[in-house]
Amino acid sequence: MRILQVCKKFPYPLRDGEVIAIHQLTRGFHDAGHKVTVAAINTRKHFFPPAELPVENQELADFHSVLLDTDVNWWDALRSMFRGDSYNIQRFVSPDFEKLLSGILLKNEFDIVQLEGLYLLPYLLTVRKYSKAKVVLRAHNIEHLIWERNSKLVKTGAKKWYLQTLAARMKEFEIYNINSCDALIPISDVDAAKFIELGCKLPIHSCPIGMNINGSLTVSDKISFKFPEREIAEEKDSLAYIGSMDWLPNREGIEWFLEKVWPKVHGQYPKAKLFLAGRNFPEDFPDTKQPNLELVGEVENARAFIRSKAIIIVPLFSGSGIRVKIIEAMAEGKPVIATTVAAEGIDITNGENILIADDADGFARHIKKCLNDAEFAHQLGENSRTFVKQHYDIRKHIEHLLQFYQSLLK
């Protein structure tokens, strides 16, 4: 098959869940013998120089990109508010990218055009105009849910009203366009069910993020890790979180943890240490003077960082889709403690391969259990590792997705 992936950010470096998810399919399609082309918006926020793309990645596809400044412009946001459209979507509309896309479609024939997210739907008419390919929407999230949940975290005032308005506009756009493509590829069965509730009548095939499992795991870095060995020493009584701090749900979750949970843990376990890793920690990030807290910042190797810590925490109260870092931590055999929203879309079993809590007391209780009972924590980690091996083999996911695509083309 000839497959065109259309992306709202350049799919490198492999630092966040969206980019990892895109890259996994690019590599999977290539490895299965299919011809892949990638057309990407190269945003100012996530800019990557295409010329610096590693050779091994260049061999996977023909990459094309256009620079676009998607930073929030409050004047444009205000005008969008009065026009009644979705400013979040409009930020990704670019005549230059439309020109790039139309040029690619005029010069090449494709069997499948895969739009990597809702934000690419404004280009659907361009794809339809210049291509007879089947157009598939890969839904990395249910976008309006993210904004609805974000708005609920704000108590009152203009910010709450604005977030509610963004959520309503996004939901309207999502529902209006839900049946505009030829098929829908949600990131989880949970999201698939929600799309059906919203009125989706398209053929649906869930394709979650996975792992390359063949005695080793290779996901978001160049290092392969064998399951049995542990070359990196684990720091005793260490807790870790990894996630970009310029994403509101991440920041709000960690601020909640530092204020409500960490004092309960550290008061009873003074030797416990918390490590926070990720990109773009803001200068006004609070609670930097918390006891035994280390702001690590961006790490070169996320998997190595996860491997070096004893417990992984994922406190999120908004967002949608699947948390890649939970899958990565489980693959490393780490006990993971998360909120219900954080674990959404992953068919886990609380108490067997993960620990779930949505209140501070419950979250702290789970952490203390793992710190106090090494055998329990170890078994929880081993169960989570087995779970990933059984359910998140990316090769199987891609095989099933390609079979689904073949059925669309018949």
Protein backbone atom coordinates (compact mmCIF):
# COMPACT_ATOMS: atom_id res chain seq x y z
CA MET A 1 0.00 0.00 0.00
CA ARG A 2 0.95 3.64 -0.48
CA ILE A 3 0.23 5.50 2.77
CA LEU A 4 0.33 9.24 3.46
CA GLN A 5 0.48 10.31 7.11
CA VAL A 6 -0.58 13.93 7.70
CA CYS A 7 0.67 15.31 11.03
CA LYS A 8 0.21 18.50 13.05
CA LYS A 9 3.76 18.34 14.41
CA PHE A 10 7.02 17.05 12.98
CA PRO A 11 7.31 13.39 14.09
CA TYR A 12 10.73 13.73 15.70
CA PRO A 13 12.30 13.69 18.28
CA LEU A 14 10.42 10.89 20.03
CA ARG A 15 9.61 12.75 23.24
CA ASP A 16 5.84 12.76 23.61
CA GLY A 17 3.04 10.27 23.18
CA GLU A 18 1.66 11.73 19.96
CA VAL A 19 5.02 11.69 18.18
CA ILE A 20 5.81 8.19 19.45
CA ALA A 21 2.42 6.96 18.23
CA ILE A 22 2.98 8.48 14.77
CA HIS A 23 6.52 7.12 14.55
CA GLN A 24 5.47 3.62 15.55
CA LEU A 25 3.08 3.38 12.61
CA THR A 26 5.54 4.98 10.18
CA ARG A 27 8.13 2.38 11.11
CA GLY A 28 5.56 -0.41 11.21
CA PHE A 29 4.21 0.42 7.74
CA HIS A 30 7.74 0.63 6.35
CA ASP A 31 8.86 -2.62 7.96
CA ALA A 32 5.79 -4.35 6.52
CA GLY A 33 6.92 -3.33 3.02
CA HIS A 34 4.61 -0.39 2.36
CA LYS A 35 5.53 2.98 0.83
CA VAL A 36 5.14 5.78 3.38
CA THR A 37 5.05 9.55 2.91
CA VAL A 38 4.81 12.01 5.81
CA ALA A 39 3.47 15.56 5.48
CA ALA A 40 3.90 17.51 8.71
CA ILE A 41 3.23 20.94 10.10
CA ASN A 42 6.49 21.95 11.79
CA THR A 43 5.26 24.20 14.59
CA ARG A 44 7.36 26.87 16.25
CA LYS A 45 6.64 25.31 19.63
CA HIS A 46 7.82 21.82 18.61
CA PHE A 47 10.17 22.81 15.80
CA PHE A 48 12.70 20.29 14.57
CA PRO A 49 15.10 20.95 11.66
CA PRO A 50 14.21 18.31 9.03
CA ALA A 51 17.84 18.20 7.84
CA GLU A 52 18.82 16.87 11.27
CA LEU A 53 16.51 13.86 11.09
CA PRO A 54 18.65 10.75 11.73
CA VAL A 55 19.46 8.66 8.66
CA GLU A 56 17.69 5.61 10.06
CA ASN A 57 14.49 7.67 10.32
CA GLN A 58 14.89 9.23 6.88
CA GLU A 59 14.83 5.72 5.41
CA LEU A 60 11.36 5.04 6.81
CA ALA A 61 9.44 7.56 4.68
CA ASP A 62 9.57 10.59 2.42
CA PHE A 63 9.30 13.52 4.83
CA HIS A 64 7.84 16.92 3.91
CA SER A 65 7.10 19.82 6.25
CA VAL A 66 6.06 23.46 6.45
CA LEU A 67 6.85 25.85 9.30
CA LEU A 68 3.80 27.26 11.10
CA ASP A 69 3.53 29.48 14.16
CA THR A 70 0.66 28.00 16.20
CA ASP A 71 1.38 30.04 19.33
CA VAL A 72 -1.71 31.56 20.88
CA ASN A 73 -2.50 35.03 19.55
CA TRP A 74 -5.07 36.63 21.82
CA TRP A 75 -6.35 38.96 19.10
CA ASP A 76 -6.98 35.98 16.81
CA ALA A 77 -8.53 34.09 19.72
CA LEU A 78 -10.91 37.00 20.39
CA ARG A 79 -11.93 37.23 16.74
CA SER A 80 -12.48 33.48 16.65
CA MET A 81 -14.65 33.77 19.74
CA PHE A 82 -16.92 36.29 18.03
CA ARG A 83 -17.03 34.27 14.80
CA GLY A 84 -18.17 31.23 16.72
CA ASP A 85 -15.51 28.85 15.39
CA SER A 86 -12.91 26.73 17.20
CA TYR A 87 -9.72 28.71 17.68
CA ASN A 88 -7.85 25.54 18.65
CA ILE A 89 -8.56 24.15 15.18
CA GLN A 90 -8.02 27.41 13.30
CA ARG A 91 -4.47 27.76 14.67
CA PHE A 92 -3.46 24.80 12.47
CA VAL A 93 -4.96 26.12 9.23
CA SER A 94 -2.17 27.17 6.89
CA PRO A 95 -2.26 28.09 3.17
CA ASP A 96 1.39 27.01 2.94
CA PHE A 97 0.64 23.58 4.34
CA GLU A 98 -2.40 23.23 2.08
CA LYS A 99 -0.13 24.04 -0.88
CA LEU A 100 2.42 21.45 0.27
CA LEU A 101 -0.27 18.83 0.72
CA SER A 102 -1.91 19.46 -2.64
CA GLY A 103 1.50 19.26 -4.34
CA ILE A 104 2.20 15.87 -2.75
CA LEU A 105 -1.22 14.56 -3.73
CA LEU A 106 -0.86 15.78 -7.34
CA LYS A 107 2.51 14.06 -7.77
CA ASN A 108 1.67 10.80 -5.98
CA GLU A 109 -1.14 8.28 -5.79
CA PHE A 110 -2.07 6.94 -2.35
CA ASP A 111 -4.25 4.12 -1.13
CA ILE A 112 -4.61 5.46 2.42
CA VAL A 113 -4.37 9.02 3.74
CA GLN A 114 -4.10 8.92 7.52
CA LEU A 115 -4.91 12.20 9.28
CA GLU A 116 -3.09 12.16 12.62
CA GLY A 117 -5.72 13.87 14.70
CA LEU A 118 -8.77 16.10 14.62
CA TYR A 119 -6.70 19.22 13.93
CA LEU A 120 -5.97 18.00 10.38
CA LEU A 121 -9.64 17.81 9.34
CA PRO A 122 -9.61 21.32 7.77
CA TYR A 123 -7.43 19.74 5.05
CA LEU A 124 -9.93 16.99 4.26
CA LEU A 125 -11.40 18.87 1.30
CA THR A 126 -7.91 19.26 -0.17
CA VAL A 127 -7.30 15.54 0.17
CA ARG A 128 -10.66 14.71 -1.42
CA LYS A 129 -9.99 17.14 -4.27
CA TYR A 130 -6.65 15.69 -5.30
CA SER A 131 -6.83 12.04 -4.22
CA LYS A 132 -9.09 9.02 -4.49
CA ALA A 133 -7.47 7.44 -1.42
CA LYS A 134 -9.44 6.23 1.56
CA VAL A 135 -9.13 8.90 4.24
CA VAL A 136 -8.74 7.70 7.82
CA LEU A 137 -8.86 9.83 10.97
CA ARG A 138 -6.51 8.55 13.63
CA ALA A 139 -7.91 9.99 16.85
CA HIS A 140 -5.12 10.27 19.41
CA ASN A 141 -7.63 11.74 21.88
CA ILE A 142 -11.24 12.76 22.20
CA GLU A 143 -10.23 16.38 22.02
CA HIS A 144 -13.24 18.10 23.57
CA LEU A 145 -12.94 15.89 26.68
CA ILE A 146 -9.51 17.36 27.38
CA TRP A 147 -10.92 20.87 27.44
CA GLU A 148 -14.04 19.90 29.37
CA ARG A 149 -11.89 18.29 32.06
CA ASN A 150 -9.51 21.25 32.09
CA SER A 151 -12.42 23.65 32.60
CA LYS A 152 -13.66 21.63 35.59
CA LEU A 153 -10.29 22.10 37.32
CA VAL A 154 -10.74 25.89 37.25
CA LYS A 155 -13.02 27.15 40.02
CA THR A 156 -14.62 30.32 38.66
CA GLY A 157 -14.00 33.40 36.59
CA ALA A 158 -13.13 34.37 33.02
CA LYS A 159 -10.66 31.51 32.56
CA LYS A 160 -13.28 28.92 33.43
CA TRP A 161 -15.77 30.52 31.02
CA TYR A 162 -13.17 30.64 28.25
CA LEU A 163 -12.18 26.98 28.70
CA GLN A 164 -15.84 25.94 28.75
CA THR A 165 -16.37 27.86 25.52
CA LEU A 166 -13.33 26.22 23.90
CA ALA A 167 -14.63 22.81 24.98
CA ALA A 168 -18.10 23.48 23.58
CA ARG A 169 -16.70 24.69 20.24
CA MET A 170 -14.36 21.70 20.05
CA LYS A 171 -17.19 19.28 20.80
CA GLU A 172 -19.37 20.87 18.15
CA PHE A 173 -16.56 20.56 15.59
CA GLU A 174 -15.79 16.98 16.63
CA ILE A 175 -19.40 15.82 16.36
CA TYR A 176 -20.04 17.71 13.10
CA ASN A 177 -17.02 16.07 11.43
CA ILE A 178 -17.16 12.67 13.08
CA ASN A 179 -18.43 10.90 9.95
CA SER A 180 -16.55 12.95 7.36
CA CYS A 181 -13.73 10.45 6.75
CA ASP A 182 -13.90 6.85 5.52
CA ALA A 183 -12.83 5.23 8.79
CA LEU A 184 -11.86 6.07 12.36
CA ILE A 185 -8.82 4.75 14.23
CA PRO A 186 -9.13 5.60 17.95
CA ILE A 187 -6.26 5.01 20.33
CA SER A 188 -8.26 2.70 22.64
CA ASP A 189 -11.47 0.71 22.90
CA VAL A 190 -12.64 3.18 25.56
CA ASP A 191 -12.31 6.06 23.10
CA ALA A 192 -13.97 3.95 20.38
CA ALA A 193 -17.04 3.46 22.58
CA LYS A 194 -17.20 7.20 23.30
CA PHE A 195 -17.00 8.05 19.60
CA ILE A 196 -19.90 5.69 18.94
CA GLU A 197 -21.87 7.47 21.67
CA LEU A 198 -21.12 10.77 19.89
CA GLY A 199 -22.68 9.38 16.72
CA CYS A 200 -19.84 7.81 14.75
CA LYS A 201 -21.17 5.50 12.01
CA LEU A 202 -17.82 4.85 10.31
CA PRO A 203 -15.87 1.59 10.31
CA ILE A 204 -13.82 1.70 13.52
CA HIS A 205 -10.60 -0.08 14.44
CA SER A 206 -8.78 0.63 17.72
CA CYS A 207 -5.00 0.83 17.44
CA PRO A 208 -3.24 1.66 20.72
CA ILE A 209 0.38 2.58 21.24
CA GLY A 210 2.48 -0.55 21.65
CA MET A 211 5.96 -1.88 22.25
CA ASN A 212 8.43 -3.71 20.07
CA ILE A 213 8.44 -6.96 21.98
CA ASN A 214 10.87 -9.63 20.87
CA GLY A 215 12.95 -10.23 23.95
CA SER A 216 13.52 -6.49 24.09
CA LEU A 217 11.66 -3.21 24.17
CA THR A 218 12.46 -0.24 21.99
CA VAL A 219 10.06 2.65 22.20
CA SER A 220 11.08 6.25 22.68
CA ASP A 221 14.86 5.99 22.47
CA LYS A 222 17.55 4.14 20.60
CA ILE A 223 18.38 1.69 23.38
CA SER A 224 16.91 -1.80 23.53
CA PHE A 225 16.21 -3.20 26.99
CA LYS A 226 16.06 -6.92 27.65
CA PHE A 227 13.35 -7.98 30.08
CA PRO A 228 15.32 -10.03 32.65
CA GLU A 229 18.40 -7.85 33.07
CA ARG A 230 18.65 -4.58 34.96
CA GLU A 231 21.89 -2.87 33.89
CA ILE A 232 20.80 0.42 35.51
CA ALA A 233 20.74 0.44 39.30
CA GLU A 234 17.43 1.32 40.91
CA GLU A 235 17.52 4.08 43.51
CA LYS A 236 15.94 2.89 46.75
CA ASP A 237 12.78 4.66 47.98
CA SER A 238 12.65 6.82 44.87
CA LEU A 239 9.49 8.10 43.18
CA ALA A 240 9.44 9.58 39.71
CA TYR A 241 7.21 11.44 37.31
CA ILE A 242 8.02 12.26 33.69
CA GLY A 243 5.98 14.55 31.46
CA SER A 244 6.11 17.89 29.69
CA MET A 245 5.29 20.73 32.08
CA ASP A 246 3.95 23.06 29.41
CA TRP A 247 0.86 20.85 29.13
CA LEU A 248 -1.74 22.05 31.63
CA PRO A 249 -3.01 18.62 32.80
CA ASN A 250 0.54 17.53 33.66
CA ARG A 251 1.29 20.65 35.65
CA GLU A 252 -2.02 20.63 37.53
CA GLY A 253 -1.60 16.96 38.40
CA ILE A 254 1.89 17.45 39.80
CA GLU A 255 0.92 20.58 41.72
CA TRP A 256 -1.92 18.56 43.31
CA PHE A 257 0.53 15.79 44.19
CA LEU A 258 3.05 18.18 45.75
CA GLU A 259 0.41 19.97 47.79
CA LYS A 260 -1.83 17.08 48.86
CA VAL A 261 0.11 13.82 48.63
CA TRP A 262 3.84 14.34 49.03
CA PRO A 263 3.64 15.78 52.59
CA LYS A 264 1.71 12.67 53.68
CA VAL A 265 4.38 10.39 52.21
CA HIS A 266 7.50 12.29 53.20
CA GLY A 267 6.26 12.82 56.75
CA GLN A 268 6.27 9.05 57.32
CA TYR A 269 9.14 8.15 54.98
CA PRO A 270 11.70 10.97 55.28
CA LYS A 271 14.24 9.09 53.13
CA ALA A 272 11.87 8.89 50.17
CA LYS A 273 12.86 11.16 47.27
CA LEU A 274 10.75 12.51 44.41
CA PHE A 275 12.22 13.14 40.93
CA LEU A 276 10.32 15.24 38.38
CA ALA A 277 11.52 14.97 34.79
CA GLY A 278 10.25 16.52 31.59
CA ARG A 279 10.52 19.45 29.22
CA ASN A 280 9.65 23.09 29.75
CA PHE A 281 9.39 23.50 33.51
CA PRO A 282 8.07 27.07 33.89
CA GLU A 283 10.05 29.60 35.88
CA ASP A 284 7.15 30.04 38.28
CA PHE A 285 6.85 26.31 38.97
CA PRO A 286 5.82 26.14 42.65
CA ASP A 287 7.05 24.13 45.60
CA THR A 288 10.65 23.84 44.45
CA LYS A 289 11.63 23.95 48.13
CA GLN A 290 9.69 20.82 48.99
CA PRO A 291 11.77 18.31 50.97
CA ASN A 292 13.61 15.66 48.95
CA LEU A 293 12.34 16.99 45.64
CA GLU A 294 14.59 17.15 42.59
CA LEU A 295 13.58 18.87 39.35
CA VAL A 296 15.50 16.83 36.80
CA GLY A 297 14.24 18.63 33.70
CA GLU A 298 14.45 17.02 30.28
CA VAL A 299 16.18 13.64 30.21
CA GLU A 300 18.04 12.25 27.21
CA ASN A 301 16.76 8.71 27.74
CA ALA A 302 13.26 8.44 29.22
CA ARG A 303 13.40 4.66 29.58
CA ALA A 304 16.71 4.78 31.43
CA PHE A 305 15.27 7.40 33.80
CA ILE A 306 12.20 5.25 34.47
CA ARG A 307 14.35 2.20 35.00
CA SER A 308 16.48 3.96 37.63
CA LYS A 309 13.52 4.76 39.89
CA ALA A 310 11.53 2.50 42.23
CA ILE A 311 7.96 3.83 41.79
CA ILE A 312 6.33 5.76 38.94
CA ILE A 313 3.48 8.17 39.69
CA VAL A 314 0.99 9.53 37.13
CA PRO A 315 -1.47 11.96 38.80
CA LEU A 316 -3.71 13.33 36.05
CA PHE A 317 -7.26 14.64 36.33
CA SER A 318 -7.81 15.76 32.75
CA GLY A 319 -6.73 14.67 29.29
CA SER A 320 -7.73 11.84 26.99
CA GLY A 321 -6.17 8.98 25.05
CA ILE A 322 -3.45 6.69 26.41
CA ARG A 323 -0.46 7.65 28.60
CA VAL A 324 2.65 6.31 26.88
CA LYS A 325 4.71 6.70 30.04
CA ILE A 326 2.40 4.30 31.90
CA ILE A 327 2.95 1.64 29.23
CA GLU A 328 6.70 2.30 29.28
CA ALA A 329 6.89 2.09 33.07
CA MET A 330 4.86 -1.11 33.13
CA ALA A 331 7.11 -2.58 30.44
CA GLU A 332 10.07 -1.87 32.72
CA GLY A 333 8.40 -3.81 35.52
CA LYS A 334 7.80 -0.74 37.68
CA PRO A 335 4.93 -0.36 40.12
CA VAL A 336 2.75 2.43 38.73
CA ILE A 337 0.40 4.53 40.84
CA ALA A 338 -2.05 6.60 38.81
CA THR A 339 -5.42 8.29 38.80
CA THR A 340 -8.41 6.87 36.93
CA VAL A 341 -8.10 9.48 34.17
CA ALA A 342 -4.38 8.76 33.74
CA ALA A 343 -5.00 5.05 33.25
CA GLU A 344 -8.01 5.54 30.98
CA GLY A 345 -7.89 3.45 27.82
CA ILE A 346 -5.54 0.84 29.30
CA ASP A 347 -7.33 -2.38 30.24
CA ILE A 348 -5.54 -2.73 33.56
CA THR A 349 -6.69 -4.32 36.82
CA ASN A 350 -6.37 -2.20 39.94
CA GLY A 351 -4.34 -3.98 42.60
CA GLU A 352 -3.00 -6.57 40.16
CA ASN A 353 -0.85 -4.67 37.65
CA ILE A 354 -1.37 -1.05 38.69
CA LEU A 355 -2.60 0.96 41.68
CA ILE A 356 -5.39 3.51 41.15
CA ALA A 357 -6.41 6.36 43.45
CA ASP A 358 -8.20 9.65 42.84
CA ASP A 359 -7.85 11.22 46.30
CA ALA A 360 -4.78 12.25 48.23
CA ASP A 361 -5.20 9.73 51.06
CA GLY A 362 -5.62 6.82 48.67
CA PHE A 363 -2.68 7.90 46.51
CA ALA A 364 -0.42 8.27 49.55
CA ARG A 365 -1.59 4.92 50.93
CA HIS A 366 -0.58 3.15 47.71
CA ILE A 367 2.86 4.78 47.76
CA LYS A 368 3.42 3.79 51.39
CA LYS A 369 2.39 0.21 50.60
CA CYS A 370 5.03 -0.01 47.87
CA LEU A 371 7.71 1.61 50.03
CA ASN A 372 6.91 -0.63 52.99
CA ASP A 373 6.43 -3.94 51.15
CA ALA A 374 9.20 -4.59 48.63
CA GLU A 375 7.82 -8.01 47.70
CA PHE A 376 4.40 -6.54 46.90
CA ALA A 377 5.94 -3.75 44.80
CA HIS A 378 8.12 -6.26 42.92
CA GLN A 379 5.19 -8.55 42.12
CA LEU A 380 3.06 -5.61 41.01
CA GLY A 381 5.84 -4.61 38.63
CA GLU A 382 6.25 -8.13 37.27
CA ASN A 383 2.50 -8.36 36.69
CA SER A 384 2.55 -5.08 34.79
CA ARG A 385 5.48 -6.26 32.65
CA THR A 386 3.59 -9.44 31.75
CA PHE A 387 0.48 -7.41 30.97
CA VAL A 388 2.37 -5.25 28.45
CA LYS A 389 3.92 -8.29 26.77
CA GLN A 390 0.48 -9.84 26.34
CA HIS A 391 -1.49 -6.79 25.21
CA TYR A 392 0.81 -4.16 23.73
CA ASP A 393 2.90 -5.87 21.05
CA ILE A 394 3.11 -3.16 18.39
CA ARG A 395 3.77 -5.69 15.62
CA LYS A 396 0.39 -7.30 16.24
CA HIS A 397 -1.33 -3.90 16.39
CA ILE A 398 0.14 -2.90 13.03
CA GLU A 399 -0.65 -6.25 11.45
CA HIS A 400 -4.29 -5.90 12.48
CA LEU A 401 -4.42 -2.27 11.32
CA LEU A 402 -3.06 -3.17 7.89
CA GLN A 403 -5.64 -5.93 7.59
CA PHE A 404 -8.32 -3.36 8.41
CA TYR A 405 -6.94 -1.04 5.72
CA GLN A 406 -6.98 -3.86 3.20
CA SER A 407 -10.65 -4.44 3.97
CA LEU A 408 -11.37 -0.74 3.38
CA LEU A 409 -9.81 -0.92 -0.07
CA LYS A 410 -11.87 -3.89 -1.24
